Amino acid sequence: MTLPAPAPALASVPASVPGSTPDSTLFRTLLESTLAIPWKIDWATATFEYIGPQIEALLGWTPSSWLTVQDWADRMHPDDREHVVNFCVSQSQAGVDHEADYRALTASGGYVWIRDVVHVVRDGEGNVQSLVGFMFDITERKQTEERLLQLQHELEDLSFRDGLTGVSNRRKFDEVLHAEWLDARREVRPLSLLLFDVDHFKLFNDHYGHIEGDECLKRVARALADATHRPRDLLARYGGEEFVLLLPSSDAPAVMAVAERCRQAVFEAQIPHAASPDGQWLTVSVGAGTIIPAEKDDPVLFVQEVDRCLYQAKHQGRNRIVGQAA
């Protein structure tokens, strides 16, 4: 970004100005002993009339190197430059005091977070004469904010994750189903759903115990996750020994293929089930459904329809898929 070329001007005011009063010298001393970095820009020439010597300790650039606002813009992170410069220029032109946060380039090539607090000085007729303000080092504050944001995201992720199996939980499924349902209705595209139930799981728990039962659910979750390849598909623990897989933009033939891949993945995990009356390995039954949602349709009723398909799969002998496009 290139700002208008200014007329020549001094980069900074000398530490001692001829004719300055004791009060002004004291005032300058106070300004230059603070952590905040004072500065002044002449509006007409877009040049620095003054910048505090603290700038060198913070960024490594000498005060004399701050000649024009172009130096200020050039010493800004490229990702911040355009919107910060445009904001500050527009606010200044309007005569509005403002603040801006951005990453400032150091002489060594690093970046420091800066908060610029700007006051617009106008003449008696309201014309902008100059800008005066302070730069503050807010790097530590920004790092704290970023860490808190990261922790917030981690907590949010934990609140949407099943504590036992590590896949998404029912709360996450309900939220994503609502969003995907609206998208599918708006875009007139199919939305598919698979419901899985571990066959004879009560018998498994009674035979092996609840600790082995928990490990069994973890292995089932891993098998289902490994059989699911698209990032947008959502696998969640629906409750107890039931899992659900939401597949946006998948039609009925596609979802039946995924259902068979998942059923086979659980069987091929070869989880022993000595108490099963249907075989020595643990299996799952699957209900499948596909819908292009219309205004009159209800996602709760759609899930109930897929659940009825799951019940039919179990009633028909388990370890099988029953699907019905709703």
C-alpha atoms as a PDB file:
ATOM      1  CA  MET A   1       0.000   0.000   0.000  1.00  0.00           C
ATOM      2  CA  THR A   2       1.423   3.408  -0.989  1.00  0.00           C
ATOM      3  CA  LEU A   3       0.308   6.581   0.732  1.00  0.00           C
ATOM      4  CA  PRO A   4       0.559  10.042  -0.891  1.00  0.00           C
ATOM      5  CA  ALA A   5       4.102  11.437  -0.944  1.00  0.00           C
ATOM      6  CA  PRO A   6       4.457  14.119   1.763  1.00  0.00           C
ATOM      7  CA  ALA A   7       6.377  17.330   1.755  1.00  0.00           C
ATOM      8  CA  PRO A   8       9.726  17.189   3.602  1.00  0.00           C
ATOM      9  CA  ALA A   9       9.526  17.561   7.380  1.00  0.00           C
ATOM     10  CA  LEU A  10      11.533  16.856  10.506  1.00  0.00           C
ATOM     11  CA  ALA A  11      11.224  13.330  11.830  1.00  0.00           C
ATOM     12  CA  SER A  12      11.119  14.388  15.450  1.00  0.00           C
ATOM     13  CA  VAL A  13      11.352  17.380  17.688  1.00  0.00           C
ATOM     14  CA  PRO A  14      14.729  17.758  19.422  1.00  0.00           C
ATOM     15  CA  ALA A  15      14.859  16.899  23.105  1.00  0.00           C
ATOM     16  CA  SER A  16      15.522  20.552  23.903  1.00  0.00           C
ATOM     17  CA  VAL A  17      13.811  23.281  21.908  1.00  0.00           C
ATOM     18  CA  PRO A  18      15.155  26.875  22.022  1.00  0.00           C
ATOM     19  CA  GLY A  19      12.722  29.088  23.794  1.00  0.00           C
ATOM     20  CA  SER A  20      10.906  26.210  25.452  1.00  0.00           C
ATOM     21  CA  THR A  21       9.551  26.933  28.902  1.00  0.00           C
ATOM     22  CA  PRO A  22      10.438  24.937  32.002  1.00  0.00           C
ATOM     23  CA  ASP A  23       6.870  23.617  32.011  1.00  0.00           C
ATOM     24  CA  SER A  24       7.143  22.293  28.442  1.00  0.00           C
ATOM     25  CA  THR A  25      10.504  20.676  29.215  1.00  0.00           C
ATOM     26  CA  LEU A  26       8.986  18.985  32.271  1.00  0.00           C
ATOM     27  CA  PHE A  27       6.013  17.886  30.203  1.00  0.00           C
ATOM     28  CA  ARG A  28       8.320  16.372  27.564  1.00  0.00           C
ATOM     29  CA  THR A  29      10.335  14.600  30.256  1.00  0.00           C
ATOM     30  CA  LEU A  30       7.184  13.103  31.703  1.00  0.00           C
ATOM     31  CA  LEU A  31       6.006  11.933  28.275  1.00  0.00           C
ATOM     32  CA  GLU A  32       9.327  10.337  27.428  1.00  0.00           C
ATOM     33  CA  SER A  33       9.609   8.521  30.757  1.00  0.00           C
ATOM     34  CA  THR A  34       6.365   6.580  30.299  1.00  0.00           C
ATOM     35  CA  LEU A  35       5.931   3.233  28.578  1.00  0.00           C
ATOM     36  CA  ALA A  36       3.392   4.805  26.236  1.00  0.00           C
ATOM     37  CA  ILE A  37       5.026   6.248  23.115  1.00  0.00           C
ATOM     38  CA  PRO A  38       3.789   9.755  22.213  1.00  0.00           C
ATOM     39  CA  TRP A  39       3.733  10.954  18.615  1.00  0.00           C
ATOM     40  CA  LYS A  40       2.426  13.756  16.435  1.00  0.00           C
ATOM     41  CA  ILE A  41       1.685  13.824  12.697  1.00  0.00           C
ATOM     42  CA  ASP A  42       1.130  16.930  10.601  1.00  0.00           C
ATOM     43  CA  TRP A  43      -2.001  16.282   8.591  1.00  0.00           C
ATOM     44  CA  ALA A  44      -1.205  18.484   5.598  1.00  0.00           C
ATOM     45  CA  THR A  45       2.204  16.923   4.926  1.00  0.00           C
ATOM     46  CA  ALA A  46       1.525  13.442   6.388  1.00  0.00           C
ATOM     47  CA  THR A  47       4.839  13.648   8.237  1.00  0.00           C
ATOM     48  CA  PHE A  48       5.884  12.871  11.768  1.00  0.00           C
ATOM     49  CA  GLU A  49       6.560  16.074  13.700  1.00  0.00           C
ATOM     50  CA  TYR A  50       7.480  14.040  16.739  1.00  0.00           C
ATOM     51  CA  ILE A  51       7.751  10.474  18.007  1.00  0.00           C
ATOM     52  CA  GLY A  52       8.990   9.515  21.469  1.00  0.00           C
ATOM     53  CA  PRO A  53      12.434   7.966  21.894  1.00  0.00           C
ATOM     54  CA  GLN A  54      10.789   4.934  23.552  1.00  0.00           C
ATOM     55  CA  ILE A  55      10.000   3.697  20.030  1.00  0.00           C
ATOM     56  CA  GLU A  56      13.591   2.552  19.584  1.00  0.00           C
ATOM     57  CA  ALA A  57      13.540   0.397  22.731  1.00  0.00           C
ATOM     58  CA  LEU A  58      10.283  -1.207  21.644  1.00  0.00           C
ATOM     59  CA  LEU A  59      10.706  -1.719  17.895  1.00  0.00           C
ATOM     60  CA  GLY A  60      14.385  -1.017  17.246  1.00  0.00           C
ATOM     61  CA  TRP A  61      13.699   1.826  14.785  1.00  0.00           C
ATOM     62  CA  THR A  62      15.289   5.143  15.684  1.00  0.00           C
ATOM     63  CA  PRO A  63      12.991   8.182  16.066  1.00  0.00           C
ATOM     64  CA  SER A  64      14.737   9.852  13.121  1.00  0.00           C
ATOM     65  CA  SER A  65      13.667   6.988  10.845  1.00  0.00           C
ATOM     66  CA  TRP A  66       9.985   7.830  11.300  1.00  0.00           C
ATOM     67  CA  LEU A  67       9.648  10.439   8.563  1.00  0.00           C
ATOM     68  CA  THR A  68       6.202   9.946   7.056  1.00  0.00           C
ATOM     69  CA  VAL A  69       3.014   7.976   7.560  1.00  0.00           C
ATOM     70  CA  GLN A  70       4.288   5.672   4.828  1.00  0.00           C
ATOM     71  CA  ASP A  71       6.971   4.516   7.284  1.00  0.00           C
ATOM     72  CA  TRP A  72       4.199   3.759   9.767  1.00  0.00           C
ATOM     73  CA  ALA A  73       2.241   1.785   7.151  1.00  0.00           C
ATOM     74  CA  ASP A  74       5.297  -0.069   5.846  1.00  0.00           C
ATOM     75  CA  ARG A  75       6.202  -1.170   9.385  1.00  0.00           C
ATOM     76  CA  MET A  76       2.927  -2.967   9.828  1.00  0.00           C
ATOM     77  CA  HIS A  77       2.114  -6.645   9.351  1.00  0.00           C
ATOM     78  CA  PRO A  78       0.855  -7.185   5.770  1.00  0.00           C
ATOM     79  CA  ASP A  79      -2.293  -8.899   7.063  1.00  0.00           C
ATOM     80  CA  ASP A  80      -3.159  -5.835   9.189  1.00  0.00           C
ATOM     81  CA  ARG A  81      -1.989  -3.041   6.922  1.00  0.00           C
ATOM     82  CA  GLU A  82      -4.867  -2.422   4.539  1.00  0.00           C
ATOM     83  CA  HIS A  83      -7.778  -2.450   6.951  1.00  0.00           C
ATOM     84  CA  VAL A  84      -5.908  -0.559   9.701  1.00  0.00           C
ATOM     85  CA  VAL A  85      -4.614   2.172   7.372  1.00  0.00           C
ATOM     86  CA  ASN A  86      -8.003   2.562   5.687  1.00  0.00           C
ATOM     87  CA  PHE A  87      -9.768   2.742   9.043  1.00  0.00           C
ATOM     88  CA  CYS A  88      -7.357   5.288  10.527  1.00  0.00           C
ATOM     89  CA  VAL A  89      -7.386   7.490   7.425  1.00  0.00           C
ATOM     90  CA  SER A  90     -11.182   7.500   7.190  1.00  0.00           C
ATOM     91  CA  GLN A  91     -11.619   8.248  10.894  1.00  0.00           C
ATOM     92  CA  SER A  92      -9.023  11.003  10.755  1.00  0.00           C
ATOM     93  CA  GLN A  93     -10.599  12.586   7.695  1.00  0.00           C
ATOM     94  CA  ALA A  94     -13.919  12.615   9.538  1.00  0.00           C
ATOM     95  CA  GLY A  95     -12.255  14.231  12.543  1.00  0.00           C
ATOM     96  CA  VAL A  96     -13.081  11.306  14.824  1.00  0.00           C
ATOM     97  CA  ASP A  97     -10.802  10.150  17.633  1.00  0.00           C
ATOM     98  CA  HIS A  98     -10.117   6.427  17.351  1.00  0.00           C
ATOM     99  CA  GLU A  99      -8.033   3.411  18.352  1.00  0.00           C
ATOM    100  CA  ALA A 100      -6.434   0.665  16.262  1.00  0.00           C
ATOM    101  CA  ASP A 101      -4.673  -2.581  17.124  1.00  0.00           C
ATOM    102  CA  TYR A 102      -2.074  -4.040  14.764  1.00  0.00           C
ATOM    103  CA  ARG A 103       1.222  -5.892  14.606  1.00  0.00           C
ATOM    104  CA  ALA A 104       4.207  -3.593  14.149  1.00  0.00           C
ATOM    105  CA  LEU A 105       7.401  -4.787  12.479  1.00  0.00           C
ATOM    106  CA  THR A 106      10.572  -4.622  14.560  1.00  0.00           C
ATOM    107  CA  ALA A 107      13.981  -3.775  13.139  1.00  0.00           C
ATOM    108  CA  SER A 108      15.016  -7.398  13.793  1.00  0.00           C
ATOM    109  CA  GLY A 109      12.141  -8.776  11.710  1.00  0.00           C
ATOM    110  CA  GLY A 110       9.721  -9.760  14.479  1.00  0.00           C
ATOM    111  CA  TYR A 111       6.338  -8.285  15.346  1.00  0.00           C
ATOM    112  CA  VAL A 112       4.927  -6.517  18.400  1.00  0.00           C
ATOM    113  CA  TRP A 113       1.250  -5.905  19.022  1.00  0.00           C
ATOM    114  CA  ILE A 114       0.542  -2.160  19.176  1.00  0.00           C
ATOM    115  CA  ARG A 115      -2.528  -0.206  20.201  1.00  0.00           C
ATOM    116  CA  ASP A 116      -2.585   3.281  18.671  1.00  0.00           C
ATOM    117  CA  VAL A 117      -4.818   5.771  20.470  1.00  0.00           C
ATOM    118  CA  VAL A 118      -5.410   8.750  18.175  1.00  0.00           C
ATOM    119  CA  HIS A 119      -6.756  12.241  18.866  1.00  0.00           C
ATOM    120  CA  VAL A 120      -7.632  14.465  15.917  1.00  0.00           C
ATOM    121  CA  VAL A 121      -6.665  18.125  16.356  1.00  0.00           C
ATOM    122  CA  ARG A 122      -8.789  20.615  14.368  1.00  0.00           C
ATOM    123  CA  ASP A 123      -8.610  24.364  13.857  1.00  0.00           C
ATOM    124  CA  GLY A 124     -11.354  26.842  14.641  1.00  0.00           C
ATOM    125  CA  GLU A 125     -13.106  26.074  11.368  1.00  0.00           C
ATOM    126  CA  GLY A 126     -13.098  22.326  12.002  1.00  0.00           C
ATOM    127  CA  ASN A 127     -10.323  21.478   9.557  1.00  0.00           C
ATOM    128  CA  VAL A 128      -7.949  18.690  10.585  1.00  0.00           C
ATOM    129  CA  GLN A 129      -4.559  20.126  11.527  1.00  0.00           C
ATOM    130  CA  SER A 130      -2.724  17.216  13.081  1.00  0.00           C
ATOM    131  CA  LEU A 131      -2.988  13.860  14.752  1.00  0.00           C
ATOM    132  CA  VAL A 132      -1.553  13.243  18.196  1.00  0.00           C
ATOM    133  CA  GLY A 133      -1.588  10.029  20.091  1.00  0.00           C
ATOM    134  CA  PHE A 134       0.122   7.252  21.986  1.00  0.00           C
ATOM    135  CA  MET A 135       1.366   3.817  20.999  1.00  0.00           C
ATOM    136  CA  PHE A 136       1.018   1.103  23.635  1.00  0.00           C
ATOM    137  CA  ASP A 137       2.707  -2.297  23.652  1.00  0.00           C
ATOM    138  CA  ILE A 138      -0.186  -4.760  24.071  1.00  0.00           C
ATOM    139  CA  THR A 139       1.689  -7.915  23.043  1.00  0.00           C
ATOM    140  CA  GLU A 140       1.292  -9.598  26.425  1.00  0.00           C
ATOM    141  CA  ARG A 141      -2.406  -8.743  26.514  1.00  0.00           C
ATOM    142  CA  LYS A 142      -2.922 -10.129  23.003  1.00  0.00           C
ATOM    143  CA  GLN A 143      -1.081 -13.331  23.875  1.00  0.00           C
ATOM    144  CA  THR A 144      -3.322 -13.725  26.918  1.00  0.00           C
ATOM    145  CA  GLU A 145      -6.430 -13.096  24.819  1.00  0.00           C
ATOM    146  CA  GLU A 146      -5.302 -15.637  22.222  1.00  0.00           C
ATOM    147  CA  ARG A 147      -4.616 -18.213  24.925  1.00  0.00           C
ATOM    148  CA  LEU A 148      -8.039 -17.607  26.488  1.00  0.00           C
ATOM    149  CA  LEU A 149      -9.665 -17.942  23.063  1.00  0.00           C
ATOM    150  CA  GLN A 150      -7.796 -21.193  22.486  1.00  0.00           C
ATOM    151  CA  LEU A 151      -8.955 -22.494  25.886  1.00  0.00           C
ATOM    152  CA  GLN A 152     -12.506 -21.436  25.051  1.00  0.00           C
ATOM    153  CA  HIS A 153     -12.354 -23.412  21.795  1.00  0.00           C
ATOM    154  CA  GLU A 154     -10.905 -26.410  23.624  1.00  0.00           C
ATOM    155  CA  LEU A 155     -13.681 -26.277  26.236  1.00  0.00           C
ATOM    156  CA  GLU A 156     -16.281 -25.947  23.502  1.00  0.00           C
ATOM    157  CA  ASP A 157     -14.785 -28.936  21.720  1.00  0.00           C
ATOM    158  CA  LEU A 158     -14.900 -30.944  24.949  1.00  0.00           C
ATOM    159  CA  SER A 159     -18.536 -29.979  25.481  1.00  0.00           C
ATOM    160  CA  PHE A 160     -19.353 -31.462  22.053  1.00  0.00           C
ATOM    161  CA  ARG A 161     -17.325 -34.661  22.484  1.00  0.00           C
ATOM    162  CA  ASP A 162     -18.377 -37.960  24.010  1.00  0.00           C
ATOM    163  CA  GLY A 163     -16.176 -38.575  27.027  1.00  0.00           C
ATOM    164  CA  LEU A 164     -15.936 -42.324  26.551  1.00  0.00           C
ATOM    165  CA  THR A 165     -15.494 -42.897  22.811  1.00  0.00           C
ATOM    166  CA  GLY A 166     -14.002 -39.554  21.728  1.00  0.00           C
ATOM    167  CA  VAL A 167     -16.483 -39.058  18.878  1.00  0.00           C
ATOM    168  CA  SER A 168     -19.020 -36.235  18.874  1.00  0.00           C
ATOM    169  CA  ASN A 169     -21.850 -36.386  21.398  1.00  0.00           C
ATOM    170  CA  ARG A 170     -25.625 -36.095  21.113  1.00  0.00           C
ATOM    171  CA  ARG A 171     -25.518 -32.355  21.702  1.00  0.00           C
ATOM    172  CA  LYS A 172     -23.146 -31.869  18.758  1.00  0.00           C
ATOM    173  CA  PHE A 173     -25.292 -34.096  16.559  1.00  0.00           C
ATOM    174  CA  ASP A 174     -28.450 -32.143  17.356  1.00  0.00           C
ATOM    175  CA  GLU A 175     -26.708 -28.853  16.524  1.00  0.00           C
ATOM    176  CA  VAL A 176     -25.200 -30.072  13.244  1.00  0.00           C
ATOM    177  CA  LEU A 177     -28.426 -31.791  12.189  1.00  0.00           C
ATOM    178  CA  HIS A 178     -30.295 -28.505  12.585  1.00  0.00           C
ATOM    179  CA  ALA A 179     -27.722 -26.597  10.492  1.00  0.00           C
ATOM    180  CA  GLU A 180     -27.423 -29.262   7.779  1.00  0.00           C
ATOM    181  CA  TRP A 181     -31.204 -29.626   7.601  1.00  0.00           C
ATOM    182  CA  LEU A 182     -31.611 -25.914   6.870  1.00  0.00           C
ATOM    183  CA  ASP A 183     -28.830 -26.019   4.266  1.00  0.00           C
ATOM    184  CA  ALA A 184     -30.306 -29.072   2.549  1.00  0.00           C
ATOM    185  CA  ARG A 185     -33.753 -27.497   2.433  1.00  0.00           C
ATOM    186  CA  ARG A 186     -32.422 -24.222   1.066  1.00  0.00           C
ATOM    187  CA  GLU A 187     -30.178 -25.878  -1.543  1.00  0.00           C
ATOM    188  CA  VAL A 188     -32.673 -28.679  -2.372  1.00  0.00           C
ATOM    189  CA  ARG A 189     -30.142 -31.448  -1.844  1.00  0.00           C
ATOM    190  CA  PRO A 190     -30.336 -34.819  -0.061  1.00  0.00           C
ATOM    191  CA  LEU A 191     -29.442 -35.375   3.573  1.00  0.00           C
ATOM    192  CA  SER A 192     -28.828 -38.922   4.800  1.00  0.00           C
ATOM    193  CA  LEU A 193     -28.656 -40.530   8.202  1.00  0.00           C
ATOM    194  CA  LEU A 194     -27.424 -43.841   9.589  1.00  0.00           C
ATOM    195  CA  LEU A 195     -28.280 -45.172  13.038  1.00  0.00           C
ATOM    196  CA  PHE A 196     -26.181 -48.021  14.470  1.00  0.00           C
ATOM    197  CA  ASP A 197     -27.003 -50.238  17.432  1.00  0.00           C
ATOM    198  CA  VAL A 198     -24.559 -52.750  18.890  1.00  0.00           C
ATOM    199  CA  ASP A 199     -26.233 -56.147  18.768  1.00  0.00           C
ATOM    200  CA  HIS A 200     -26.817 -57.956  22.079  1.00  0.00           C
ATOM    201  CA  PHE A 201     -24.834 -55.356  24.002  1.00  0.00           C
ATOM    202  CA  LYS A 202     -26.581 -56.137  27.302  1.00  0.00           C
ATOM    203  CA  LEU A 203     -25.463 -59.723  26.965  1.00  0.00           C
ATOM    204  CA  PHE A 204     -21.930 -58.478  26.232  1.00  0.00           C
ATOM    205  CA  ASN A 205     -21.904 -56.396  29.438  1.00  0.00           C
ATOM    206  CA  ASP A 206     -23.368 -59.232  31.487  1.00  0.00           C
ATOM    207  CA  HIS A 207     -20.728 -61.643  30.196  1.00  0.00           C
ATOM    208  CA  TYR A 208     -17.582 -59.450  30.115  1.00  0.00           C
ATOM    209  CA  GLY A 209     -18.406 -56.680  32.593  1.00  0.00           C
ATOM    210  CA  HIS A 210     -18.904 -52.945  32.153  1.00  0.00           C
ATOM    211  CA  ILE A 211     -15.204 -52.098  31.839  1.00  0.00           C
ATOM    212  CA  GLU A 212     -14.905 -54.401  28.826  1.00  0.00           C
ATOM    213  CA  GLY A 213     -18.218 -53.009  27.644  1.00  0.00           C
ATOM    214  CA  ASP A 214     -16.742 -49.499  27.616  1.00  0.00           C
ATOM    215  CA  GLU A 215     -13.699 -50.744  25.692  1.00  0.00           C
ATOM    216  CA  CYS A 216     -16.040 -52.425  23.225  1.00  0.00           C
ATOM    217  CA  LEU A 217     -17.849 -49.129  22.528  1.00  0.00           C
ATOM    218  CA  LYS A 218     -14.491 -47.422  21.963  1.00  0.00           C
ATOM    219  CA  ARG A 219     -13.517 -50.060  19.396  1.00  0.00           C
ATOM    220  CA  VAL A 220     -16.874 -49.766  17.629  1.00  0.00           C
ATOM    221  CA  ALA A 221     -16.465 -45.985  17.474  1.00  0.00           C
ATOM    222  CA  ARG A 222     -12.972 -46.359  15.975  1.00  0.00           C
ATOM    223  CA  ALA A 223     -14.211 -48.840  13.387  1.00  0.00           C
ATOM    224  CA  LEU A 224     -17.065 -46.544  12.336  1.00  0.00           C
ATOM    225  CA  ALA A 225     -14.749 -43.522  12.229  1.00  0.00           C
ATOM    226  CA  ASP A 226     -12.235 -45.384  10.057  1.00  0.00           C
ATOM    227  CA  ALA A 227     -15.029 -46.239   7.614  1.00  0.00           C
ATOM    228  CA  THR A 228     -16.087 -42.594   7.331  1.00  0.00           C
ATOM    229  CA  HIS A 229     -13.968 -40.586   4.907  1.00  0.00           C
ATOM    230  CA  ARG A 230     -15.602 -37.197   4.208  1.00  0.00           C
ATOM    231  CA  PRO A 231     -14.714 -34.305   6.547  1.00  0.00           C
ATOM    232  CA  ARG A 232     -18.259 -32.956   6.572  1.00  0.00           C
ATOM    233  CA  ASP A 233     -19.838 -36.259   7.678  1.00  0.00           C
ATOM    234  CA  LEU A 234     -20.535 -36.348  11.413  1.00  0.00           C
ATOM    235  CA  LEU A 235     -20.182 -39.462  13.569  1.00  0.00           C
ATOM    236  CA  ALA A 236     -21.655 -39.157  17.056  1.00  0.00           C
ATOM    237  CA  ARG A 237     -22.605 -41.329  19.978  1.00  0.00           C
ATOM    238  CA  TYR A 238     -26.368 -41.132  20.013  1.00  0.00           C
ATOM    239  CA  GLY A 239     -26.824 -42.714  23.419  1.00  0.00           C
ATOM    240  CA  GLY A 240     -25.859 -45.930  25.217  1.00  0.00           C
ATOM    241  CA  GLU A 241     -24.712 -48.394  22.562  1.00  0.00           C
ATOM    242  CA  GLU A 242     -26.156 -46.392  19.665  1.00  0.00           C
ATOM    243  CA  PHE A 243     -24.178 -44.300  17.182  1.00  0.00           C
ATOM    244  CA  VAL A 244     -25.356 -41.959  14.436  1.00  0.00           C
ATOM    245  CA  LEU A 245     -23.725 -40.865  11.197  1.00  0.00           C
ATOM    246  CA  LEU A 246     -24.976 -37.745   9.408  1.00  0.00           C
ATOM    247  CA  LEU A 247     -24.091 -37.553   5.698  1.00  0.00           C
ATOM    248  CA  PRO A 248     -24.856 -34.250   3.927  1.00  0.00           C
ATOM    249  CA  SER A 249     -25.292 -34.353   0.140  1.00  0.00           C
ATOM    250  CA  SER A 250     -25.521 -38.167   0.074  1.00  0.00           C
ATOM    251  CA  ASP A 251     -28.349 -39.866  -1.815  1.00  0.00           C
ATOM    252  CA  ALA A 252     -29.936 -43.213  -0.934  1.00  0.00           C
ATOM    253  CA  PRO A 253     -27.574 -45.466  -2.974  1.00  0.00           C
ATOM    254  CA  ALA A 254     -24.516 -43.693  -1.569  1.00  0.00           C
ATOM    255  CA  VAL A 255     -25.691 -43.930   2.028  1.00  0.00           C
ATOM    256  CA  MET A 256     -26.448 -47.647   1.659  1.00  0.00           C
ATOM    257  CA  ALA A 257     -22.893 -48.189   0.435  1.00  0.00           C
ATOM    258  CA  VAL A 258     -21.529 -46.314   3.447  1.00  0.00           C
ATOM    259  CA  ALA A 259     -23.809 -48.307   5.755  1.00  0.00           C
ATOM    260  CA  GLU A 260     -22.453 -51.593   4.397  1.00  0.00           C
ATOM    261  CA  ARG A 261     -18.868 -50.359   4.710  1.00  0.00           C
ATOM    262  CA  CYS A 262     -19.508 -49.437   8.358  1.00  0.00           C
ATOM    263  CA  ARG A 263     -21.250 -52.730   9.147  1.00  0.00           C
ATOM    264  CA  GLN A 264     -18.349 -54.648   7.657  1.00  0.00           C
ATOM    265  CA  ALA A 265     -15.788 -52.481   9.507  1.00  0.00           C
ATOM    266  CA  VAL A 266     -17.316 -53.376  12.879  1.00  0.00           C
ATOM    267  CA  PHE A 267     -17.477 -57.081  11.994  1.00  0.00           C
ATOM    268  CA  GLU A 268     -13.890 -57.055  10.724  1.00  0.00           C
ATOM    269  CA  ALA A 269     -12.746 -55.487  14.003  1.00  0.00           C
ATOM    270  CA  GLN A 270     -13.291 -59.041  15.339  1.00  0.00           C
ATOM    271  CA  ILE A 271     -14.524 -58.021  18.795  1.00  0.00           C
ATOM    272  CA  PRO A 272     -15.273 -61.311  20.613  1.00  0.00           C
ATOM    273  CA  HIS A 273     -18.868 -61.762  21.814  1.00  0.00           C
ATOM    274  CA  ALA A 274     -19.080 -65.229  23.339  1.00  0.00           C
ATOM    275  CA  ALA A 275     -22.533 -64.513  24.786  1.00  0.00           C
ATOM    276  CA  SER A 276     -24.126 -63.617  21.443  1.00  0.00           C
ATOM    277  CA  PRO A 277     -26.722 -66.105  20.191  1.00  0.00           C
ATOM    278  CA  ASP A 278     -25.935 -65.030  16.609  1.00  0.00           C
ATOM    279  CA  GLY A 279     -22.193 -65.739  16.373  1.00  0.00           C
ATOM    280  CA  GLN A 280     -18.856 -65.305  18.111  1.00  0.00           C
ATOM    281  CA  TRP A 281     -18.110 -61.770  16.898  1.00  0.00           C
ATOM    282  CA  LEU A 282     -19.773 -58.495  17.809  1.00  0.00           C
ATOM    283  CA  THR A 283     -21.998 -56.941  15.112  1.00  0.00           C
ATOM    284  CA  VAL A 284     -24.163 -53.863  14.572  1.00  0.00           C
ATOM    285  CA  SER A 285     -27.606 -53.350  13.089  1.00  0.00           C
ATOM    286  CA  VAL A 286     -28.158 -50.320  10.899  1.00  0.00           C
ATOM    287  CA  GLY A 287     -31.103 -48.094   9.996  1.00  0.00           C
ATOM    288  CA  ALA A 288     -30.700 -45.792   6.989  1.00  0.00           C
ATOM    289  CA  GLY A 289     -32.700 -42.904   5.625  1.00  0.00           C
ATOM    290  CA  THR A 290     -32.433 -40.153   3.023  1.00  0.00           C
ATOM    291  CA  ILE A 291     -34.513 -37.030   2.578  1.00  0.00           C
ATOM    292  CA  ILE A 292     -34.568 -33.797   0.606  1.00  0.00           C
ATOM    293  CA  PRO A 293     -36.180 -31.635   3.284  1.00  0.00           C
ATOM    294  CA  ALA A 294     -39.210 -29.586   2.346  1.00  0.00           C
ATOM    295  CA  GLU A 295     -40.888 -26.846   4.357  1.00  0.00           C
ATOM    296  CA  LYS A 296     -43.396 -29.305   5.815  1.00  0.00           C
ATOM    297  CA  ASP A 297     -40.739 -31.827   6.931  1.00  0.00           C
ATOM    298  CA  ASP A 298     -39.457 -32.136  10.483  1.00  0.00           C
ATOM    299  CA  PRO A 299     -35.935 -33.378  11.362  1.00  0.00           C
ATOM    300  CA  VAL A 300     -37.203 -35.070  14.526  1.00  0.00           C
ATOM    301  CA  LEU A 301     -39.701 -37.107  12.527  1.00  0.00           C
ATOM    302  CA  PHE A 302     -36.949 -37.982  10.023  1.00  0.00           C
ATOM    303  CA  VAL A 303     -34.736 -39.343  12.810  1.00  0.00           C
ATOM    304  CA  GLN A 304     -37.688 -41.309  14.165  1.00  0.00           C
ATOM    305  CA  GLU A 305     -38.235 -42.842  10.724  1.00  0.00           C
ATOM    306  CA  VAL A 306     -34.588 -43.947  10.540  1.00  0.00           C
ATOM    307  CA  ASP A 307     -34.910 -45.328  14.070  1.00  0.00           C
ATOM    308  CA  ARG A 308     -37.860 -47.436  12.900  1.00  0.00           C
ATOM    309  CA  CYS A 309     -35.617 -48.793  10.139  1.00  0.00           C
ATOM    310  CA  LEU A 310     -33.043 -49.690  12.786  1.00  0.00           C
ATOM    311  CA  TYR A 311     -35.715 -51.497  14.807  1.00  0.00           C
ATOM    312  CA  GLN A 312     -36.705 -53.472  11.715  1.00  0.00           C
ATOM    313  CA  ALA A 313     -33.063 -54.460  11.136  1.00  0.00           C
ATOM    314  CA  LYS A 314     -32.842 -55.841  14.666  1.00  0.00           C
ATOM    315  CA  HIS A 315     -36.246 -57.530  14.398  1.00  0.00           C
ATOM    316  CA  GLN A 316     -35.241 -59.191  11.114  1.00  0.00           C
ATOM    317  CA  GLY A 317     -32.189 -60.898  12.641  1.00  0.00           C
ATOM    318  CA  ARG A 318     -29.592 -58.184  13.398  1.00  0.00           C
ATOM    319  CA  ASN A 319     -26.229 -57.580  11.666  1.00  0.00           C
ATOM    320  CA  ARG A 320     -28.051 -56.100   8.715  1.00  0.00           C
ATOM    321  CA  ILE A 321     -29.166 -52.816   7.154  1.00  0.00           C
ATOM    322  CA  VAL A 322     -32.712 -51.625   6.593  1.00  0.00           C
ATOM    323  CA  GLY A 323     -33.051 -48.449   4.630  1.00  0.00           C
ATOM    324  CA  GLN A 324     -35.937 -46.318   3.495  1.00  0.00           C
ATOM    325  CA  ALA A 325     -35.725 -43.017   1.630  1.00  0.00           C
ATOM    326  CA  ALA A 326     -38.076 -40.722   3.468  1.00  0.00           C
END
